[in-house]
Amino acid sequence: MKVEIQPDVRDIAGQLGAGVPYALKVVAGQLADDPDMGVPSGLHGILTVTVDGDLFEDCPDLSVGYIREPDRIEIRFLRAATSTEPPTGAQEEGQDQERVQPADPAATAVTVREVADAWRRITCWLQDKAPDSYAALRAGASPAAIAALEGDLGIQIPIELSVLWLLTAGDEGANGWGCLPGNRALMTLDAVAAAYRLKMDAQAHEDARNADRPEDERITVWQPTWIPVVALGPADSTSGLYLDAATGYLGRWSRYNESPGEERDTLVTYLEEAADMLESPDLATRDKPGLIGGTLVWLSSIDPVREDRWRPLTG
């Protein structure tokens, strides 16, 4: 079985300890011999292997995440395991013991690869061209943290969103700007939970009023399957984008209970287009990327007083 290790995983290995690259190589060899040695992570399509760091010099305990395809394995995620993290594959308290599995594992593997590739293109660009924006990205969340959020929301988080959060669990923003088009920011998991509760409370309030309204005048401001993903800015969660777990499409939301708007983008196409605009800015249509110092700033939402410092990208 062929085992591939993504470049960003190799970079992370070098940062975690001098012995981690060798430990990763050993795990890759073991997976080649036994592709099914990992256990389900609780995230569809992703298996994990736990590495005892005591077996290697200068190596912490590790959690290695991979996807298995019929003829290959791809190691996608690597992080230092924490003592508070439950054993790999363990169910979170209160979660159903039976999890709904995807109908097509091959399609799940493709989705994992597409999200990871699109985000890698974005972060590689940021690291090279906008280091301040790159430094503002949070480290990836643990599978346990994502599973806990899933339990808090009470809905199954789509695989594409789980993969994105495994890579980056939010954007702190550089000088007030997020790195996504419109200077929007990927929300932290805590912000996601807070916004979801706020919107569900707003819908409960509307439902009480809807009981006295004609059917064609009833108001829907939020659906239980809508998961807030992107905020207007790092410190501005008055509006943003949600991912509909039922349809896989993004939509626009607002704290002021305006009618939700459809984006007709999936998370994959949204991230791929952001990467395309960064790599080929002359072809960008929805927004124009540029720089102010070491920060990525999108033209559509730039503060006019700082517009004279903005430098467009070409290429």
Protein backbone atom coordinates (compact mmCIF):
# COMPACT_ATOMS: atom_id res chain seq x y z
CA MET A 1 0.00 0.00 0.00
CA LYS A 2 1.38 3.39 -1.00
CA VAL A 3 1.54 5.93 1.84
CA GLU A 4 1.82 9.67 1.10
CA ILE A 5 2.65 12.38 3.63
CA GLN A 6 1.56 15.90 2.80
CA PRO A 7 4.29 18.62 2.87
CA ASP A 8 2.52 20.62 5.58
CA VAL A 9 2.45 17.50 7.78
CA ARG A 10 6.21 17.12 7.34
CA ASP A 11 6.63 20.79 8.32
CA ILE A 12 4.54 20.29 11.45
CA ALA A 13 6.57 17.18 12.33
CA GLY A 14 9.77 19.22 12.29
CA GLN A 15 8.23 21.78 14.65
CA LEU A 16 6.96 19.27 17.22
CA GLY A 17 10.34 17.74 18.06
CA ALA A 18 13.56 16.42 16.56
CA GLY A 19 12.36 12.83 16.83
CA VAL A 20 8.91 13.40 15.32
CA PRO A 21 9.90 13.11 11.61
CA TYR A 22 11.39 9.68 12.33
CA ALA A 23 8.32 8.62 14.32
CA LEU A 24 6.13 9.74 11.43
CA LYS A 25 8.24 7.69 9.03
CA VAL A 26 7.81 4.64 11.25
CA VAL A 27 4.03 5.12 11.34
CA ALA A 28 3.98 5.43 7.55
CA GLY A 29 5.80 2.12 7.25
CA GLN A 30 3.37 0.46 9.64
CA LEU A 31 0.38 1.79 7.69
CA ALA A 32 1.84 0.44 4.46
CA ASP A 33 1.83 -3.02 6.05
CA ASP A 34 -1.47 -2.62 7.92
CA PRO A 35 -3.73 0.06 6.37
CA ASP A 36 -6.49 -0.67 8.88
CA MET A 37 -4.42 -0.21 12.03
CA GLY A 38 -6.06 3.14 12.73
CA VAL A 39 -9.42 3.57 14.43
CA PRO A 40 -12.31 5.91 13.55
CA SER A 41 -11.70 9.41 14.85
CA GLY A 42 -15.36 10.31 15.14
CA LEU A 43 -14.93 12.36 11.94
CA HIS A 44 -16.21 10.58 8.86
CA GLY A 45 -13.56 9.22 6.55
CA ILE A 46 -10.67 9.95 8.91
CA LEU A 47 -8.78 7.27 10.85
CA THR A 48 -6.25 8.04 13.55
CA VAL A 49 -3.21 6.34 15.04
CA THR A 50 -1.83 7.28 18.45
CA VAL A 51 1.95 7.20 18.85
CA ASP A 52 3.62 6.66 22.23
CA GLY A 53 6.28 9.38 22.32
CA ASP A 54 8.34 7.47 24.89
CA LEU A 55 9.36 5.07 22.11
CA PHE A 56 11.26 7.85 20.33
CA GLU A 57 13.79 10.39 21.46
CA ASP A 58 12.54 14.01 21.64
CA CYS A 59 9.02 13.09 20.59
CA PRO A 60 5.72 13.85 22.37
CA ASP A 61 2.72 11.56 22.19
CA LEU A 62 1.24 12.02 18.73
CA SER A 63 -2.11 11.75 17.01
CA VAL A 64 -1.78 10.95 13.29
CA GLY A 65 -4.83 11.30 11.06
CA TYR A 66 -5.12 9.69 7.64
CA ILE A 67 -7.59 8.84 4.90
CA ARG A 68 -7.57 5.48 3.19
CA GLU A 69 -8.39 5.03 -0.48
CA PRO A 70 -8.42 1.68 -2.30
CA ASP A 71 -4.82 1.94 -3.50
CA ARG A 72 -3.24 4.55 -1.26
CA ILE A 73 -3.12 6.16 2.17
CA GLU A 74 -2.69 9.87 2.70
CA ILE A 75 -1.48 11.18 6.07
CA ARG A 76 -3.27 14.50 6.45
CA PHE A 77 -3.03 15.56 10.07
CA LEU A 78 -0.45 15.48 12.84
CA ARG A 79 -0.60 16.97 16.30
CA ALA A 80 0.76 16.43 19.76
CA ALA A 81 -1.76 14.35 21.69
CA THR A 82 -2.88 15.78 25.02
CA SER A 83 -3.48 13.82 28.18
CA THR A 84 -7.04 15.20 28.32
CA GLU A 85 -7.89 13.92 24.87
CA PRO A 86 -10.01 10.78 25.00
CA PRO A 87 -8.65 7.59 23.42
CA THR A 88 -8.84 7.58 19.66
CA GLY A 89 -12.26 6.57 18.45
CA ALA A 90 -13.91 6.91 21.86
CA GLN A 91 -17.44 8.26 21.90
CA GLU A 92 -18.06 11.55 23.65
CA GLU A 93 -20.37 11.30 26.64
CA GLY A 94 -23.96 11.86 25.58
CA GLN A 95 -23.36 11.12 21.91
CA ASP A 96 -25.24 8.38 20.11
CA GLN A 97 -23.34 5.14 19.99
CA GLU A 98 -24.52 4.62 16.41
CA ARG A 99 -23.17 7.27 14.06
CA VAL A 100 -24.57 7.68 10.58
CA GLN A 101 -21.90 6.67 8.09
CA PRO A 102 -21.59 8.24 4.65
CA ALA A 103 -23.07 6.30 1.77
CA ASP A 104 -19.95 6.63 -0.34
CA PRO A 105 -16.59 6.43 1.48
CA ALA A 106 -14.74 7.20 -1.76
CA ALA A 107 -16.65 10.48 -2.13
CA THR A 108 -15.83 11.32 1.49
CA ALA A 109 -12.12 10.79 0.80
CA VAL A 110 -12.37 13.13 -2.20
CA THR A 111 -14.03 15.81 -0.07
CA VAL A 112 -11.31 15.52 2.58
CA ARG A 113 -8.64 15.93 -0.08
CA GLU A 114 -10.39 18.87 -1.80
CA VAL A 115 -10.81 20.87 1.42
CA ALA A 116 -7.27 20.15 2.59
CA ASP A 117 -5.79 21.05 -0.80
CA ALA A 118 -7.76 24.32 -1.07
CA TRP A 119 -6.78 25.38 2.45
CA ARG A 120 -3.16 24.40 1.84
CA ARG A 121 -3.11 26.68 -1.24
CA ILE A 122 -4.47 29.57 0.84
CA THR A 123 -2.12 29.10 3.78
CA CYS A 124 0.95 28.56 1.58
CA TRP A 125 0.16 31.84 -0.16
CA LEU A 126 -0.31 33.62 3.17
CA GLN A 127 2.92 32.23 4.57
CA ASP A 128 4.82 33.50 1.54
CA LYS A 129 3.08 36.81 0.80
CA ALA A 130 1.17 37.87 3.93
CA PRO A 131 2.99 36.53 7.02
CA ASP A 132 0.96 38.68 9.45
CA SER A 133 -2.26 37.10 8.20
CA TYR A 134 -0.71 33.64 8.33
CA ALA A 135 0.39 34.16 11.93
CA ALA A 136 -3.18 35.11 12.91
CA LEU A 137 -4.54 31.66 12.02
CA ARG A 138 -5.18 29.38 14.96
CA ALA A 139 -3.80 25.87 15.14
CA GLY A 140 -6.13 23.08 14.16
CA ALA A 141 -8.72 21.81 16.62
CA SER A 142 -8.51 18.31 18.05
CA PRO A 143 -11.07 15.67 17.01
CA ALA A 144 -12.28 15.73 20.63
CA ALA A 145 -12.99 19.48 20.47
CA ILE A 146 -14.93 19.10 17.22
CA ALA A 147 -16.88 16.16 18.64
CA ALA A 148 -17.70 18.24 21.74
CA LEU A 149 -19.01 21.06 19.55
CA GLU A 150 -21.07 18.56 17.59
CA GLY A 151 -22.63 17.39 20.84
CA ASP A 152 -23.25 21.00 21.92
CA LEU A 153 -25.04 21.87 18.68
CA GLY A 154 -26.87 18.57 18.56
CA ILE A 155 -26.25 18.02 14.87
CA GLN A 156 -23.71 16.10 12.81
CA ILE A 157 -20.98 18.39 11.50
CA PRO A 158 -20.30 17.83 7.78
CA ILE A 159 -16.98 16.23 6.92
CA GLU A 160 -15.78 19.25 4.92
CA LEU A 161 -16.19 21.53 7.94
CA SER A 162 -14.57 19.01 10.28
CA VAL A 163 -11.56 18.80 7.99
CA LEU A 164 -11.22 22.59 7.82
CA TRP A 165 -11.35 22.89 11.61
CA LEU A 166 -8.76 20.14 11.97
CA LEU A 167 -6.47 22.34 9.90
CA THR A 168 -7.33 25.74 11.40
CA ALA A 169 -9.69 26.37 14.30
CA GLY A 170 -10.31 30.04 13.56
CA ASP A 171 -8.73 33.29 12.41
CA GLU A 172 -7.69 35.87 15.02
CA GLY A 173 -7.26 38.45 12.25
CA ALA A 174 -4.32 40.66 11.39
CA ASN A 175 -4.88 44.35 12.06
CA GLY A 176 -8.62 43.72 12.13
CA TRP A 177 -8.84 41.88 8.81
CA GLY A 178 -9.69 38.24 8.25
CA CYS A 179 -8.02 36.38 5.40
CA LEU A 180 -11.15 35.30 3.51
CA PRO A 181 -12.80 37.38 0.72
CA GLY A 182 -14.46 40.50 2.06
CA ASN A 183 -11.91 40.40 4.91
CA ARG A 184 -14.15 37.84 6.58
CA ALA A 185 -12.74 35.51 9.22
CA LEU A 186 -13.12 31.82 9.94
CA MET A 187 -14.91 31.66 13.29
CA THR A 188 -13.46 29.97 16.35
CA LEU A 189 -15.35 26.98 17.72
CA ASP A 190 -16.47 28.99 20.76
CA ALA A 191 -17.80 31.73 18.49
CA VAL A 192 -19.63 29.14 16.39
CA ALA A 193 -21.37 27.74 19.46
CA ALA A 194 -22.30 31.21 20.76
CA ALA A 195 -23.69 32.39 17.41
CA TYR A 196 -25.64 29.16 16.93
CA ARG A 197 -27.29 29.47 20.34
CA LEU A 198 -28.13 33.12 19.69
CA LYS A 199 -29.78 32.31 16.36
CA MET A 200 -31.67 29.32 17.74
CA ASP A 201 -33.03 31.53 20.54
CA ALA A 202 -34.09 34.09 17.93
CA GLN A 203 -35.93 31.39 15.99
CA ALA A 204 -37.65 30.16 19.16
CA HIS A 205 -38.88 33.71 19.71
CA GLU A 206 -40.20 33.85 16.14
CA ASP A 207 -41.82 30.43 16.50
CA ALA A 208 -43.86 31.75 19.44
CA ARG A 209 -45.04 34.60 17.23
CA ASN A 210 -45.55 32.36 14.22
CA ALA A 211 -48.31 30.53 16.10
CA ASP A 212 -50.49 33.64 15.63
CA ARG A 213 -49.41 34.40 12.06
CA PRO A 214 -50.93 33.12 8.83
CA GLU A 215 -48.84 30.32 7.35
CA ASP A 216 -47.58 32.46 4.47
CA GLU A 217 -46.42 35.19 6.89
CA ARG A 218 -44.44 33.00 9.27
CA ILE A 219 -40.79 34.01 9.67
CA THR A 220 -37.77 31.73 9.61
CA VAL A 221 -34.50 33.31 10.70
CA TRP A 222 -32.62 30.09 11.46
CA GLN A 223 -32.72 26.36 10.81
CA PRO A 224 -31.20 23.77 13.19
CA THR A 225 -28.98 22.46 10.36
CA TRP A 226 -27.33 25.84 9.76
CA ILE A 227 -23.83 26.08 11.26
CA PRO A 228 -22.14 29.51 11.47
CA VAL A 229 -18.73 29.26 9.84
CA VAL A 230 -17.49 32.67 8.72
CA ALA A 231 -17.94 36.03 10.45
CA LEU A 232 -17.92 39.52 8.96
CA GLY A 233 -14.58 40.13 10.68
CA PRO A 234 -12.33 38.78 13.43
CA ALA A 235 -14.08 40.97 16.02
CA ASP A 236 -17.43 41.43 14.24
CA SER A 237 -19.92 38.57 14.38
CA THR A 238 -22.95 40.63 13.39
CA SER A 239 -23.19 38.72 10.12
CA GLY A 240 -21.41 36.10 8.09
CA LEU A 241 -21.84 32.78 6.31
CA TYR A 242 -23.35 29.54 7.54
CA LEU A 243 -23.01 26.02 6.16
CA ASP A 244 -26.26 24.11 5.81
CA ALA A 245 -25.49 20.59 7.02
CA ALA A 246 -28.54 19.30 5.17
CA THR A 247 -27.69 20.64 1.70
CA GLY A 248 -23.94 21.35 1.86
CA TYR A 249 -24.43 24.92 0.64
CA LEU A 250 -23.38 28.18 2.25
CA GLY A 251 -25.79 30.98 3.07
CA ARG A 252 -25.67 34.48 4.54
CA TRP A 253 -26.79 35.20 8.09
CA SER A 254 -27.19 38.35 10.19
CA ARG A 255 -27.61 38.94 13.90
CA TYR A 256 -30.45 41.34 13.07
CA ASN A 257 -32.63 38.50 11.79
CA GLU A 258 -32.71 39.70 8.23
CA SER A 259 -33.91 37.13 5.73
CA PRO A 260 -31.12 34.60 5.15
CA GLY A 261 -29.54 34.69 1.72
CA GLU A 262 -28.27 31.83 -0.39
CA GLU A 263 -24.68 31.75 -1.60
CA ARG A 264 -24.97 28.58 -3.74
CA ASP A 265 -21.36 27.81 -2.94
CA THR A 266 -20.20 24.72 -1.16
CA LEU A 267 -17.42 25.10 1.36
CA VAL A 268 -15.08 23.43 -1.14
CA THR A 269 -15.92 25.81 -4.00
CA TYR A 270 -15.75 28.81 -1.66
CA LEU A 271 -12.24 27.92 -0.49
CA GLU A 272 -11.10 26.97 -3.99
CA GLU A 273 -12.26 30.31 -5.38
CA ALA A 274 -10.46 32.18 -2.59
CA ALA A 275 -7.29 30.27 -3.44
CA ASP A 276 -7.78 30.98 -7.16
CA MET A 277 -8.14 34.73 -6.52
CA LEU A 278 -4.95 34.80 -4.46
CA GLU A 279 -2.94 32.84 -7.02
CA SER A 280 -4.38 34.64 -10.08
CA PRO A 281 -5.54 38.07 -8.82
CA ASP A 282 -5.90 39.52 -12.33
CA LEU A 283 -8.68 37.00 -12.94
CA ALA A 284 -10.50 37.66 -9.65
CA THR A 285 -14.11 38.78 -10.08
CA ARG A 286 -15.86 38.72 -6.71
CA ASP A 287 -13.16 40.63 -4.84
CA LYS A 288 -9.64 41.92 -5.31
CA PRO A 289 -6.83 40.82 -2.98
CA GLY A 290 -4.03 43.16 -1.99
CA LEU A 291 -1.53 43.88 0.75
CA ILE A 292 -1.01 46.44 3.46
CA GLY A 293 2.41 45.57 4.77
CA GLY A 294 2.39 41.89 5.64
CA THR A 295 -1.40 41.65 5.85
CA LEU A 296 -3.80 40.36 3.21
CA VAL A 297 -6.57 42.92 2.67
CA TRP A 298 -9.49 42.46 0.26
CA LEU A 299 -10.55 45.63 -1.56
CA SER A 300 -14.31 45.26 -1.08
CA SER A 301 -14.19 45.92 2.66
CA ILE A 302 -11.17 48.15 3.10
CA ASP A 303 -11.36 51.18 5.36
CA PRO A 304 -11.25 54.26 3.04
CA VAL A 305 -8.76 56.04 5.31
CA ARG A 306 -6.27 53.23 4.73
CA GLU A 307 -6.98 52.64 1.06
CA ASP A 308 -3.96 54.69 -0.02
CA ARG A 309 -1.69 52.13 1.70
CA TRP A 310 -3.31 49.21 -0.11
CA ARG A 311 -1.28 47.60 -2.86
CA PRO A 312 -3.11 45.37 -5.36
CA LEU A 313 -1.71 42.01 -6.32
CA THR A 314 -0.87 41.18 -9.90
CA GLY A 315 -0.35 37.89 -11.62
